[in-house]
Amino acid sequence: MSVNLRVRPLLLLALLLAVSSIVPQTAEAQVSGPDFKGDAGFDSGSQAPPGVQRDILINRYRIREMSGRLGHHINLEPSLELAVPRFDPNNRGAFEDSLFHVANLGERARETVAPPLPRPPDPSDQGWHVTIAPYMWFAGLHGTVGAQGHEASVHASFGDIFSYLNIGLMVAVEPRYNRIVMPFDFMWMKLSDDKAFAFDAGAISAKVQVHQDILAQKIGYRLIDAEKFKVDALAGIRYWHAGTTLTVESPSNSAGFDSSANWVDAVGGARIQAMLSPKFALSILGDAGGGGANSDYQVAGFIGWKLKKVTLQAGYRYLSVNYRPDGGSVYDITMSGVLLGVTIPLK
């Protein structure tokens, strides 16, 4: 009887000790919650309630969604420099892995940025442009002229150019819209030669005066429009008015003959412009045609010196026409000489 009384208190004490050791472990498990295993999921041994696990899953989903948005932003703006935070890899958190991938995406985007597009045409070179270019052509005169059945040979060498040009008015105007060019050229000149040779029998010499109006209107398209090289294809008309005064001198007397003629020739040609330097440009042009005349052609070359607002021009021009209608006037001449001018932009 005394033994049982002693055993019972000992059993009761052992039971209390066992219960006290089990309860703290369960409470600790409930407070600390499940253990993360990185991207592998939760610890299979976790005893967290379903509500706690659901909150943790929602938080992880939000973190992944935010990482995806950051990655998308970097893809849209690859050139933006972002300071990407780096976490301790011992934490094995999904958020650190996501940001690491986002940073890598940003670096790849910066490396694969497309090269810059070609610069579009300068807007100032588009639309309407107009230039005017007054000039002087110191032309010599070579060939044959005639009036009322009388003809004379005219020859003025290049060295006598200033002597044979009495007076002249010359101007070129060129409107342009984008690649459409419309050059206009007008010349009025008075030329004379006191040493002409008359073909009439018994005549010793002849004095020739030529009053000449030339109006050319063309339209063309700029086939090549590079920054330093341009090519224009041109076509149009050249209108001529030639008035000839022929004074034939002989031992006995002298006689004067006058005639005039008007005709139109269709011409076509081209113009090439090349920039030799930012200040100097070379222009070469030529055209040929006919209609009223048997032949009508010209070639010319100029050097332009670009100043602040204008361009000075200097060059050489050669123009030939052969007009021989049935009876009346004869105008088969070549004009050539130095040309000086200035080009002024109006628009």
Protein backbone atom coordinates (compact mmCIF):
# COMPACT_ATOMS: atom_id res chain seq x y z
CA MET A 1 0.00 0.00 0.00
CA SER A 2 2.76 2.41 0.76
CA VAL A 3 4.51 1.47 -2.54
CA ASN A 4 1.48 2.43 -4.64
CA LEU A 5 1.24 5.76 -2.91
CA ARG A 6 4.85 6.47 -3.79
CA VAL A 7 4.58 5.34 -7.46
CA ARG A 8 1.54 7.40 -8.35
CA PRO A 9 3.14 10.78 -7.62
CA LEU A 10 6.18 9.79 -9.69
CA LEU A 11 4.00 8.80 -12.70
CA LEU A 12 2.06 12.04 -12.46
CA LEU A 13 5.28 14.08 -12.42
CA ALA A 14 6.63 12.26 -15.48
CA LEU A 15 3.37 12.88 -17.38
CA LEU A 16 3.49 16.62 -16.61
CA LEU A 17 7.09 16.86 -17.81
CA ALA A 18 6.24 15.15 -21.12
CA VAL A 19 3.26 17.43 -21.78
CA SER A 20 5.29 20.56 -21.03
CA SER A 21 7.98 19.53 -23.58
CA ILE A 22 5.47 18.89 -26.44
CA VAL A 23 3.36 22.08 -26.23
CA PRO A 24 6.19 24.67 -26.79
CA GLN A 25 7.33 22.86 -29.97
CA THR A 26 3.84 23.02 -31.52
CA ALA A 27 3.46 26.71 -30.69
CA GLU A 28 6.86 27.50 -32.16
CA ALA A 29 5.96 25.73 -35.37
CA GLN A 30 2.73 27.74 -35.63
CA VAL A 31 4.49 31.08 -35.03
CA SER A 32 7.51 30.60 -37.33
CA GLY A 33 5.47 29.29 -40.23
CA PRO A 34 6.78 27.24 -43.18
CA ASP A 35 10.39 27.30 -44.26
CA PHE A 36 11.20 28.61 -47.79
CA LYS A 37 13.22 26.45 -50.10
CA GLY A 38 13.86 29.11 -52.70
CA ASP A 39 12.00 28.46 -55.96
CA ALA A 40 11.50 24.79 -55.00
CA GLY A 41 8.51 25.54 -52.75
CA PHE A 42 7.73 25.04 -49.05
CA ASP A 43 9.28 22.63 -46.62
CA SER A 44 7.24 19.43 -46.72
CA GLY A 45 7.60 19.11 -43.00
CA SER A 46 5.92 22.48 -42.28
CA GLN A 47 2.77 22.34 -40.18
CA ALA A 48 1.54 25.94 -40.91
CA PRO A 49 -2.22 26.33 -41.18
CA PRO A 50 -3.73 26.62 -44.69
CA GLY A 51 -4.47 30.36 -44.20
CA VAL A 52 -0.84 31.20 -43.56
CA GLN A 53 0.31 29.19 -46.60
CA ARG A 54 -2.23 31.00 -48.82
CA ASP A 55 -0.94 34.45 -47.74
CA ILE A 56 2.62 33.44 -48.45
CA LEU A 57 1.69 32.16 -51.92
CA ILE A 58 -0.10 35.43 -52.73
CA ASN A 59 2.93 37.44 -51.65
CA ARG A 60 5.22 35.37 -53.85
CA TYR A 61 2.88 35.84 -56.85
CA ARG A 62 2.92 39.62 -56.37
CA ILE A 63 6.71 39.67 -56.20
CA ARG A 64 6.96 37.70 -59.47
CA GLU A 65 4.43 40.02 -61.17
CA MET A 66 6.41 43.10 -60.10
CA SER A 67 9.63 41.53 -61.45
CA GLY A 68 7.95 40.90 -64.80
CA ARG A 69 6.84 44.54 -65.04
CA LEU A 70 10.36 45.74 -64.34
CA GLY A 71 11.69 43.50 -67.09
CA HIS A 72 9.10 44.82 -69.57
CA HIS A 73 10.04 48.44 -68.74
CA ILE A 74 13.70 47.77 -69.43
CA ASN A 75 12.86 46.14 -72.78
CA LEU A 76 10.92 49.26 -73.81
CA GLU A 77 13.70 51.63 -72.71
CA PRO A 78 16.94 49.71 -73.10
CA SER A 79 19.11 52.79 -72.84
CA LEU A 80 17.90 53.65 -69.30
CA GLU A 81 20.58 53.03 -66.69
CA LEU A 82 19.03 51.23 -63.70
CA ALA A 83 20.79 50.62 -60.43
CA VAL A 84 19.73 46.98 -59.86
CA PRO A 85 19.86 45.85 -56.20
CA ARG A 86 21.65 42.59 -55.49
CA PHE A 87 20.72 40.46 -52.48
CA ASP A 88 22.71 37.99 -50.48
CA PRO A 89 22.51 34.67 -52.40
CA ASN A 90 22.33 32.80 -49.05
CA ASN A 91 18.74 34.00 -48.71
CA ARG A 92 17.82 31.99 -51.82
CA GLY A 93 14.84 34.29 -52.37
CA ALA A 94 12.84 34.33 -55.57
CA PHE A 95 12.89 38.14 -55.62
CA GLU A 96 16.71 38.21 -55.87
CA ASP A 97 16.63 35.76 -58.80
CA SER A 98 13.98 37.79 -60.61
CA LEU A 99 15.90 41.06 -60.32
CA PHE A 100 19.05 39.29 -61.48
CA HIS A 101 17.25 38.21 -64.69
CA VAL A 102 15.82 41.71 -65.14
CA ALA A 103 19.30 43.21 -64.97
CA ASN A 104 20.56 40.70 -67.56
CA LEU A 105 17.66 41.57 -69.87
CA GLY A 106 18.55 45.26 -69.58
CA GLU A 107 22.20 44.60 -70.48
CA ARG A 108 21.20 42.51 -73.54
CA ALA A 109 18.78 45.22 -74.65
CA ARG A 110 21.52 47.86 -74.48
CA GLU A 111 23.85 45.62 -76.51
CA THR A 112 21.26 45.02 -79.28
CA VAL A 113 20.12 48.62 -79.77
CA ALA A 114 19.48 49.23 -83.51
CA PRO A 115 21.87 51.62 -85.32
CA PRO A 116 20.56 55.15 -85.88
CA LEU A 117 18.38 55.67 -88.94
CA PRO A 118 19.73 57.75 -91.86
CA ARG A 119 19.20 61.46 -91.44
CA PRO A 120 16.10 62.61 -93.34
CA PRO A 121 16.48 65.25 -96.05
CA ASP A 122 17.04 68.74 -94.79
CA PRO A 123 13.57 70.41 -94.72
CA SER A 124 15.19 73.68 -95.82
CA ASP A 125 16.05 71.99 -99.16
CA GLN A 126 12.41 71.06 -99.85
CA GLY A 127 9.59 73.16 -101.23
CA TRP A 128 10.01 76.23 -103.42
CA HIS A 129 13.38 77.91 -104.07
CA VAL A 130 14.11 80.79 -106.45
CA THR A 131 17.48 82.22 -107.51
CA ILE A 132 18.33 85.10 -109.86
CA ALA A 133 21.69 85.43 -111.60
CA PRO A 134 22.57 88.56 -113.59
CA TYR A 135 25.68 88.03 -115.72
CA MET A 136 27.82 89.44 -118.51
CA TRP A 137 28.95 87.31 -121.44
CA PHE A 138 31.92 88.78 -123.31
CA ALA A 139 31.27 86.87 -126.51
CA GLY A 140 33.27 86.80 -129.68
CA LEU A 141 31.53 86.24 -133.00
CA HIS A 142 32.45 83.79 -135.78
CA GLY A 143 30.57 82.69 -138.87
CA THR A 144 28.46 84.03 -141.70
CA VAL A 145 25.61 86.55 -141.64
CA GLY A 146 23.52 87.84 -144.51
CA ALA A 147 20.78 90.28 -145.39
CA GLN A 148 18.75 90.58 -148.60
CA GLY A 149 20.91 88.13 -150.49
CA HIS A 150 24.21 89.69 -149.39
CA GLU A 151 26.51 87.73 -147.06
CA ALA A 152 29.63 88.52 -145.06
CA SER A 153 32.12 86.48 -143.07
CA VAL A 154 32.56 87.56 -139.46
CA HIS A 155 35.51 86.67 -137.28
CA ALA A 156 36.37 88.10 -133.86
CA SER A 157 39.07 86.23 -131.98
CA PHE A 158 38.92 85.46 -128.26
CA GLY A 159 41.53 88.17 -127.61
CA ASP A 160 39.20 90.81 -129.10
CA ILE A 161 36.15 89.89 -127.02
CA PHE A 162 35.92 93.21 -125.19
CA SER A 163 36.12 95.12 -128.45
CA TYR A 164 33.23 93.39 -130.19
CA LEU A 165 30.62 93.42 -127.41
CA ASN A 166 28.94 96.82 -127.65
CA ILE A 167 26.27 96.34 -124.99
CA GLY A 168 24.28 93.53 -123.44
CA LEU A 169 21.74 92.57 -120.81
CA MET A 170 21.72 89.01 -119.48
CA VAL A 171 19.92 87.36 -116.61
CA ALA A 172 19.04 83.84 -115.52
CA VAL A 173 16.22 82.96 -113.14
CA GLU A 174 15.63 79.48 -111.75
CA PRO A 175 12.58 78.45 -109.74
CA ARG A 176 12.77 74.99 -108.19
CA TYR A 177 10.20 72.88 -106.36
CA ASN A 178 11.77 69.86 -104.69
CA ARG A 179 13.34 68.03 -107.67
CA ILE A 180 11.51 69.96 -110.40
CA VAL A 181 13.78 72.65 -111.90
CA MET A 182 12.66 75.41 -114.32
CA PRO A 183 15.68 77.43 -115.53
CA PHE A 184 14.97 80.58 -117.54
CA ASP A 185 17.66 82.48 -119.47
CA PHE A 186 17.38 85.80 -121.32
CA MET A 187 20.09 87.54 -123.35
CA TRP A 188 20.04 90.76 -125.35
CA MET A 189 23.29 91.64 -127.08
CA LYS A 190 24.64 94.03 -129.70
CA LEU A 191 27.72 92.72 -131.50
CA SER A 192 29.74 94.31 -134.31
CA ASP A 193 32.73 93.59 -136.53
CA ASP A 194 34.35 96.32 -138.63
CA LYS A 195 36.73 93.90 -140.36
CA ALA A 196 34.23 91.55 -141.92
CA PHE A 197 34.89 90.28 -145.42
CA ALA A 198 32.09 90.69 -147.97
CA PHE A 199 31.35 87.92 -150.47
CA ASP A 200 29.99 90.39 -153.03
CA ALA A 201 32.04 90.89 -156.20
CA GLY A 202 34.03 94.11 -156.10
CA ALA A 203 33.48 94.70 -152.39
CA ILE A 204 36.50 95.41 -150.26
CA SER A 205 35.10 94.99 -146.73
CA ALA A 206 31.90 95.02 -144.77
CA LYS A 207 30.75 96.31 -141.46
CA VAL A 208 28.41 93.99 -139.58
CA GLN A 209 26.16 94.78 -136.64
CA VAL A 210 24.04 92.08 -135.03
CA HIS A 211 21.20 92.77 -132.61
CA GLN A 212 20.33 89.52 -130.92
CA ASP A 213 17.64 88.45 -128.43
CA ILE A 214 17.70 84.92 -127.04
CA LEU A 215 15.12 83.59 -124.60
CA ALA A 216 15.35 80.02 -123.29
CA GLN A 217 12.81 78.33 -121.04
CA LYS A 218 13.37 74.77 -119.85
CA ILE A 219 11.89 72.40 -117.35
CA GLY A 220 13.63 69.39 -115.88
CA TYR A 221 13.91 66.79 -113.16
CA ARG A 222 16.80 66.31 -110.73
CA LEU A 223 17.81 62.71 -111.39
CA ILE A 224 20.58 62.66 -108.75
CA ASP A 225 20.18 64.80 -105.64
CA ALA A 226 23.14 63.89 -103.43
CA GLU A 227 24.69 66.34 -101.01
CA LYS A 228 27.77 66.95 -103.17
CA PHE A 229 26.61 65.83 -106.61
CA LYS A 230 23.49 66.72 -108.61
CA VAL A 231 22.34 65.85 -112.13
CA ASP A 232 19.38 67.53 -113.90
CA ALA A 233 17.71 66.36 -117.12
CA LEU A 234 16.32 69.35 -119.04
CA ALA A 235 14.09 70.02 -122.05
CA GLY A 236 12.50 73.19 -123.45
CA ILE A 237 12.67 75.84 -126.15
CA ARG A 238 15.05 78.59 -127.27
CA TYR A 239 13.57 81.60 -129.01
CA TRP A 240 15.77 83.71 -131.30
CA HIS A 241 15.42 87.18 -132.73
CA ALA A 242 18.33 88.22 -134.93
CA GLY A 243 18.58 91.60 -136.62
CA THR A 244 21.47 92.09 -139.04
CA THR A 245 22.80 95.33 -140.53
CA LEU A 246 25.34 94.75 -143.27
CA THR A 247 27.28 97.68 -144.77
CA VAL A 248 29.29 96.73 -147.85
CA GLU A 249 32.11 99.00 -148.93
CA SER A 250 33.60 99.12 -152.43
CA PRO A 251 36.00 101.51 -154.23
CA SER A 252 33.09 103.41 -155.76
CA ASN A 253 30.53 103.47 -152.98
CA SER A 254 29.05 101.71 -149.97
CA ALA A 255 25.61 100.22 -149.47
CA GLY A 256 23.70 99.07 -146.41
CA PHE A 257 21.31 96.12 -146.08
CA ASP A 258 19.06 95.26 -143.15
CA SER A 259 17.10 92.12 -142.27
CA SER A 260 15.65 90.39 -139.24
CA ALA A 261 14.49 86.90 -138.41
CA ASN A 262 12.57 85.13 -135.61
CA TRP A 263 12.43 81.42 -134.93
CA VAL A 264 12.06 78.83 -132.14
CA ASP A 265 14.12 75.70 -131.59
CA ALA A 266 13.32 72.75 -129.33
CA VAL A 267 16.31 71.74 -127.19
CA GLY A 268 17.15 69.09 -124.64
CA GLY A 269 20.15 68.54 -122.43
CA ALA A 270 21.55 68.09 -118.96
CA ARG A 271 23.32 69.92 -116.16
CA ILE A 272 25.84 68.55 -113.65
CA GLN A 273 26.77 70.26 -110.38
CA ALA A 274 29.57 69.05 -108.10
CA MET A 275 30.79 70.49 -104.81
CA LEU A 276 34.58 70.67 -104.93
CA SER A 277 34.71 72.04 -101.36
CA PRO A 278 32.33 73.79 -98.96
CA LYS A 279 33.12 77.06 -100.78
CA PHE A 280 33.63 76.04 -104.43
CA ALA A 281 31.26 74.32 -106.87
CA LEU A 282 31.64 73.20 -110.48
CA SER A 283 28.71 73.38 -112.95
CA ILE A 284 28.70 71.88 -116.46
CA LEU A 285 25.73 72.13 -118.82
CA GLY A 286 24.88 71.43 -122.42
CA ASP A 287 21.92 71.16 -124.79
CA ALA A 288 21.18 70.64 -128.47
CA GLY A 289 18.20 70.83 -130.76
CA GLY A 290 16.67 72.49 -133.77
CA GLY A 291 13.42 73.41 -135.46
CA GLY A 292 13.48 76.84 -137.01
CA ALA A 293 17.25 76.50 -137.34
CA ASN A 294 19.12 73.61 -138.88
CA SER A 295 21.08 73.19 -135.66
CA ASP A 296 21.20 74.87 -132.27
CA TYR A 297 23.48 73.78 -129.40
CA GLN A 298 25.57 75.08 -126.52
CA VAL A 299 28.02 73.93 -123.82
CA ALA A 300 29.22 75.83 -120.76
CA GLY A 301 31.24 75.38 -117.60
CA PHE A 302 31.38 77.54 -114.47
CA ILE A 303 33.17 77.72 -111.15
CA GLY A 304 31.13 79.13 -108.27
CA TRP A 305 32.60 80.71 -105.16
CA LYS A 306 30.05 80.69 -102.36
CA LEU A 307 30.06 83.70 -100.07
CA LYS A 308 27.79 84.37 -97.11
CA LYS A 309 24.66 85.30 -99.09
CA VAL A 310 25.60 85.10 -102.78
CA THR A 311 27.67 82.95 -105.12
CA LEU A 312 30.12 84.46 -107.61
CA GLN A 313 30.26 82.71 -111.00
CA ALA A 314 33.01 82.66 -113.61
CA GLY A 315 33.24 80.43 -116.64
CA TYR A 316 33.17 79.93 -120.39
CA ARG A 317 30.17 79.55 -122.73
CA TYR A 318 29.98 78.31 -126.32
CA LEU A 319 26.77 78.76 -128.39
CA SER A 320 26.28 77.84 -132.05
CA VAL A 321 23.29 78.24 -134.38
CA ASN A 322 22.84 77.63 -138.11
CA TYR A 323 19.77 79.42 -139.47
CA ARG A 324 19.47 79.36 -143.27
CA PRO A 325 15.89 79.74 -144.47
CA ASP A 326 14.97 79.84 -148.14
CA GLY A 327 16.08 83.37 -149.10
CA GLY A 328 16.30 86.38 -146.84
CA SER A 329 18.47 86.31 -143.74
CA VAL A 330 21.41 84.06 -143.04
CA TYR A 331 22.55 83.54 -139.47
CA ASP A 332 25.19 80.85 -139.20
CA ILE A 333 27.38 81.91 -136.30
CA THR A 334 29.20 80.74 -133.22
CA MET A 335 29.52 82.85 -130.08
CA SER A 336 31.98 82.03 -127.33
CA GLY A 337 33.64 83.81 -124.48
CA VAL A 338 34.13 84.42 -120.80
CA LEU A 339 31.05 84.75 -118.59
CA LEU A 340 30.95 86.49 -115.20
CA GLY A 341 27.94 86.62 -112.91
CA VAL A 342 26.51 86.42 -109.42
CA THR A 343 23.77 84.11 -108.13
CA ILE A 344 21.41 85.58 -105.53
CA PRO A 345 18.88 83.39 -103.64
CA LEU A 346 15.46 85.02 -103.40
CA LYS A 347 13.61 82.23 -101.58
